[in-house]
C-alpha cells in the first residue's frame, strides 16, 4: 500500500512488541520469548525501512514493559533504540522514537486541532469500538486515530463532523497464548489506515474490505 500510494512516513502507534516474557500477568510463551521478539522486530523494521523514509514510534503499554524491567534507568525512547541497535546507526536514525503515547498529524504547520489528527495509544480501552476515540475527540477537538484496543473501525465523533478511527493491528491472534482460553477479550481484528493529505481522506483497510470517510 505504501509503495502504491507513495506514502513515505509511518506511525507505529505503540505495541509493536508483545513482551509477555516481561509481563507480571500473562502466561509466558516459549514461542514468544524476548530473544525471538527482538530478532523478529529487527526483521520487520528492516522491511518497513525499505518502504518508508521515516518511522514514528509511539509508546505502547506492551513496549514499555522493557523500560519497566530496566527499572526506568533508561527513557522509553532509549530502551527502544537499544532493542533496535543491530539495525545500525543509519537505519536507526530513520526511526523517531517518542517518550509519548501520542502525536499530532497536521495538514500544515499551524493547522487547528479540528483539521488535524491526534494519533495515540490510550492507557485504557473499551470493548465497544470507537468509545474512547469519541471521548478523546471531545477533549482535544480533533480527529482521532487510536491503537491499543485491537478493534478496526471508523466513524464520526459525537459532533457528527470529526472522524474517529481505531486502526486495528497486524498480528496473528492464534499465536497469542492467553487468547486461546475462555476469555471475554474482544476478537482481534487486523487492519491499518492511511491519510491522503491532498484529498482530505482517511482510509481504513482490513482483510476483505475497505472503508473510506471524508472529513466534512
Protein backbone atom coordinates (compact mmCIF):
# COMPACT_ATOMS: atom_id res chain seq x y z
CA UNK A 1 0.00 0.00 0.00
CA UNK A 2 2.77 2.42 0.92
CA UNK A 3 4.59 1.85 -2.35
CA UNK A 4 1.41 2.11 -4.44
CA UNK A 5 0.27 5.27 -2.65
CA UNK A 6 3.79 6.76 -2.37
CA UNK A 7 3.39 7.05 1.40
CA UNK A 8 6.80 7.81 2.91
CA UNK A 9 6.04 8.22 6.63
CA UNK A 10 4.71 5.57 9.02
CA UNK A 11 3.35 5.88 12.55
CA UNK A 12 3.61 2.79 14.74
CA UNK A 13 1.13 3.76 17.45
CA UNK A 14 2.57 1.53 20.17
CA UNK A 15 2.73 -2.20 20.87
CA UNK A 16 5.00 -3.31 18.09
CA UNK A 17 6.20 -5.79 20.69
CA UNK A 18 4.13 -8.02 22.98
CA UNK A 19 6.81 -8.71 25.63
CA UNK A 20 4.84 -11.32 27.54
CA UNK A 21 8.24 -12.56 28.73
CA UNK A 22 8.47 -9.41 30.87
CA UNK A 23 4.83 -9.35 31.99
CA UNK A 24 3.68 -9.97 35.55
CA UNK A 25 0.27 -11.03 34.28
CA UNK A 26 0.15 -13.07 31.06
CA UNK A 27 1.44 -16.67 30.95
CA UNK A 28 4.92 -16.97 29.49
CA UNK A 29 5.23 -18.40 25.98
CA UNK A 30 8.33 -20.30 24.88
CA UNK A 31 7.49 -19.32 21.30
CA UNK A 32 7.30 -15.62 22.21
CA UNK A 33 10.41 -15.19 24.31
CA UNK A 34 12.21 -11.85 24.34
CA UNK A 35 15.06 -13.01 22.12
CA UNK A 36 12.61 -14.15 19.45
CA UNK A 37 10.73 -10.84 19.67
CA UNK A 38 13.91 -8.82 19.24
CA UNK A 39 15.01 -10.87 16.21
CA UNK A 40 11.54 -10.65 14.64
CA UNK A 41 11.29 -6.93 15.40
CA UNK A 42 14.59 -6.27 13.64
CA UNK A 43 13.39 -8.16 10.55
CA UNK A 44 10.08 -6.27 10.47
CA UNK A 45 11.78 -2.89 10.97
CA UNK A 46 14.28 -3.68 8.19
CA UNK A 47 11.40 -4.43 5.81
CA UNK A 48 9.47 -1.31 6.78
CA UNK A 49 12.52 0.92 6.33
CA UNK A 50 12.72 -0.18 2.70
CA UNK A 51 9.31 1.40 2.10
CA UNK A 52 9.34 4.40 4.48
CA UNK A 53 11.74 7.31 4.84
CA UNK A 54 10.67 7.96 8.44
CA UNK A 55 9.00 5.83 11.09
CA UNK A 56 7.44 7.46 14.16
CA UNK A 57 7.36 5.00 17.07
CA UNK A 58 4.97 5.86 19.92
CA UNK A 59 4.92 4.34 23.40
CA UNK A 60 2.60 1.37 23.92
CA UNK A 61 1.73 -0.39 27.17
CA UNK A 62 3.40 -3.62 25.97
CA UNK A 63 6.57 -1.99 24.62
CA UNK A 64 7.06 -0.10 27.87
CA UNK A 65 7.48 -3.39 29.76
CA UNK A 66 11.15 -3.29 28.77
CA UNK A 67 11.56 0.17 30.29
CA UNK A 68 9.92 -1.08 33.50
CA UNK A 69 12.11 -4.21 33.57
CA UNK A 70 15.16 -1.94 33.36
CA UNK A 71 13.91 -0.09 36.44
CA UNK A 72 13.30 3.08 34.41
CA UNK A 73 17.07 3.57 34.19
CA UNK A 74 16.54 4.40 30.51
CA UNK A 75 13.85 6.51 28.91
CA UNK A 76 11.34 4.69 26.73
CA UNK A 77 12.91 6.06 23.55
CA UNK A 78 16.40 4.95 24.57
CA UNK A 79 15.20 1.50 25.63
CA UNK A 80 13.66 1.06 22.17
CA UNK A 81 16.87 2.26 20.49
CA UNK A 82 18.58 -0.49 22.47
CA UNK A 83 16.11 -3.06 21.10
CA UNK A 84 16.80 -1.99 17.50
CA UNK A 85 20.51 -1.35 17.93
CA UNK A 86 21.65 -4.01 15.46
CA UNK A 87 19.95 -2.10 12.62
CA UNK A 88 22.95 0.21 12.59
CA UNK A 89 23.10 3.95 13.11
CA UNK A 90 21.95 4.98 9.61
CA UNK A 91 18.71 2.97 9.73
CA UNK A 92 18.17 3.65 13.42
CA UNK A 93 18.18 7.39 12.75
CA UNK A 94 15.20 6.94 10.40
CA UNK A 95 13.08 5.82 13.39
CA UNK A 96 11.86 8.66 15.59
CA UNK A 97 11.20 7.09 18.99
CA UNK A 98 8.89 9.09 21.24
CA UNK A 99 8.54 9.08 25.02
CA UNK A 100 4.88 9.97 24.47
CA UNK A 101 1.89 7.78 23.63
CA UNK A 102 0.55 10.26 21.06
CA UNK A 103 1.44 12.64 18.26
CA UNK A 104 -0.31 15.20 16.06
CA UNK A 105 -0.54 14.78 12.29
CA UNK A 106 -1.34 18.13 10.71
CA UNK A 107 -2.11 19.01 7.07
CA UNK A 108 0.04 22.14 7.53
CA UNK A 109 2.14 23.52 10.37
CA UNK A 110 -0.39 25.82 12.03
CA UNK A 111 -3.49 23.76 11.28
CA UNK A 112 -6.14 23.93 14.04
CA UNK A 113 -6.89 20.78 16.00
CA UNK A 114 -10.23 20.13 14.27
CA UNK A 115 -8.41 19.85 10.92
CA UNK A 116 -5.72 17.59 12.37
CA UNK A 117 -5.42 14.01 13.56
CA UNK A 118 -4.46 13.05 17.10
CA UNK A 119 -2.85 9.60 16.82
CA UNK A 120 -2.50 7.81 20.14
CA UNK A 121 -2.20 4.66 22.22
CA UNK A 122 -4.55 5.41 25.14
CA UNK A 123 -3.96 3.75 28.51
CA UNK A 124 -7.44 2.22 28.66
CA UNK A 125 -9.87 0.86 26.11
CA UNK A 126 -13.50 -0.11 25.76
CA UNK A 127 -14.91 -3.31 24.34
CA UNK A 128 -17.28 -1.04 22.38
CA UNK A 129 -15.41 0.19 19.32
CA UNK A 130 -14.79 3.96 18.94
CA UNK A 131 -15.89 4.76 22.53
CA UNK A 132 -12.51 6.06 23.68
CA UNK A 133 -11.86 7.82 20.40
CA UNK A 134 -15.10 9.78 20.67
CA UNK A 135 -14.20 10.89 24.21
CA UNK A 136 -10.74 11.96 23.04
CA UNK A 137 -12.26 13.86 20.12
CA UNK A 138 -14.40 15.83 22.56
CA UNK A 139 -11.36 16.54 24.74
CA UNK A 140 -8.94 17.62 22.01
CA UNK A 141 -11.45 18.91 19.42
CA UNK A 142 -9.67 16.76 16.86
CA UNK A 143 -9.95 13.83 14.51
CA UNK A 144 -8.73 10.74 16.34
CA UNK A 145 -6.86 7.56 15.42
CA UNK A 146 -6.34 5.13 18.30
CA UNK A 147 -4.45 1.90 18.77
CA UNK A 148 -4.46 -0.45 21.82
CA UNK A 149 -7.96 -1.96 21.64
CA UNK A 150 -7.41 -4.28 18.62
CA UNK A 151 -10.66 -3.04 17.07
CA UNK A 152 -10.65 -1.96 13.43
CA UNK A 153 -13.42 0.58 12.93
CA UNK A 154 -14.13 4.07 11.66
CA UNK A 155 -16.96 6.50 12.26
CA UNK A 156 -17.66 10.02 13.41
CA UNK A 157 -17.23 11.89 16.66
CA UNK A 158 -20.29 12.85 18.65
CA UNK A 159 -20.49 16.18 16.79
CA UNK A 160 -21.06 14.23 13.56
CA UNK A 161 -18.20 16.07 11.84
CA UNK A 162 -14.80 14.87 13.03
CA UNK A 163 -13.52 11.40 12.13
CA UNK A 164 -12.73 8.75 14.74
CA UNK A 165 -10.91 5.53 13.89
CA UNK A 166 -9.43 2.50 15.62
CA UNK A 167 -6.62 1.21 13.45
CA UNK A 168 -6.61 -2.46 14.36
CA UNK A 169 -3.16 -4.03 14.09
CA UNK A 170 -1.15 -6.59 12.18
CA UNK A 171 -0.96 -9.80 14.17
CA UNK A 172 -1.86 -13.48 14.37
CA UNK A 173 -4.12 -13.79 17.42
CA UNK A 174 -3.98 -17.61 17.24
CA UNK A 175 -0.34 -17.38 18.33
CA UNK A 176 -1.14 -15.36 21.46
CA UNK A 177 -1.49 -17.89 24.25
CA UNK A 178 -3.77 -16.00 26.63
CA UNK A 179 -6.37 -15.55 23.88
CA UNK A 180 -6.79 -19.29 23.47
CA UNK A 181 -8.61 -19.74 26.79
CA UNK A 182 -12.22 -18.82 27.58
CA UNK A 183 -11.81 -15.08 27.67
CA UNK A 184 -14.07 -12.06 27.34
CA UNK A 185 -11.43 -10.14 25.39
CA UNK A 186 -12.89 -8.80 22.12
CA UNK A 187 -11.89 -10.55 18.89
CA UNK A 188 -8.72 -9.01 17.50
CA UNK A 189 -9.20 -7.51 14.02
CA UNK A 190 -6.31 -6.89 11.66
CA UNK A 191 -6.14 -3.54 9.94
CA UNK A 192 -4.28 -0.31 9.30
CA UNK A 193 -5.12 3.14 8.00
CA UNK A 194 -3.52 5.88 5.99
CA UNK A 195 -4.11 9.56 5.35
CA UNK A 196 -4.21 11.15 1.92
CA UNK A 197 -3.46 14.76 2.65
CA UNK A 198 -4.11 16.21 -0.78
CA UNK A 199 -7.61 14.68 -0.95
CA UNK A 200 -8.50 15.08 2.72
CA UNK A 201 -9.24 11.36 3.12
CA UNK A 202 -8.75 8.83 5.87
CA UNK A 203 -8.75 5.26 4.62
CA UNK A 204 -9.02 2.21 6.84
CA UNK A 205 -8.25 -1.21 5.43
CA UNK A 206 -8.75 -4.70 6.85
CA UNK A 207 -8.92 -8.16 5.27
CA UNK A 208 -11.65 -8.42 2.66
CA UNK A 209 -12.90 -4.86 2.80
CA UNK A 210 -12.03 -1.17 2.72
CA UNK A 211 -13.87 1.86 4.08
CA UNK A 212 -13.45 5.49 3.20
CA UNK A 213 -14.66 8.57 5.03
CA UNK A 214 -14.06 12.15 4.06
CA UNK A 215 -13.82 14.86 6.70
CA UNK A 216 -16.56 17.42 6.21
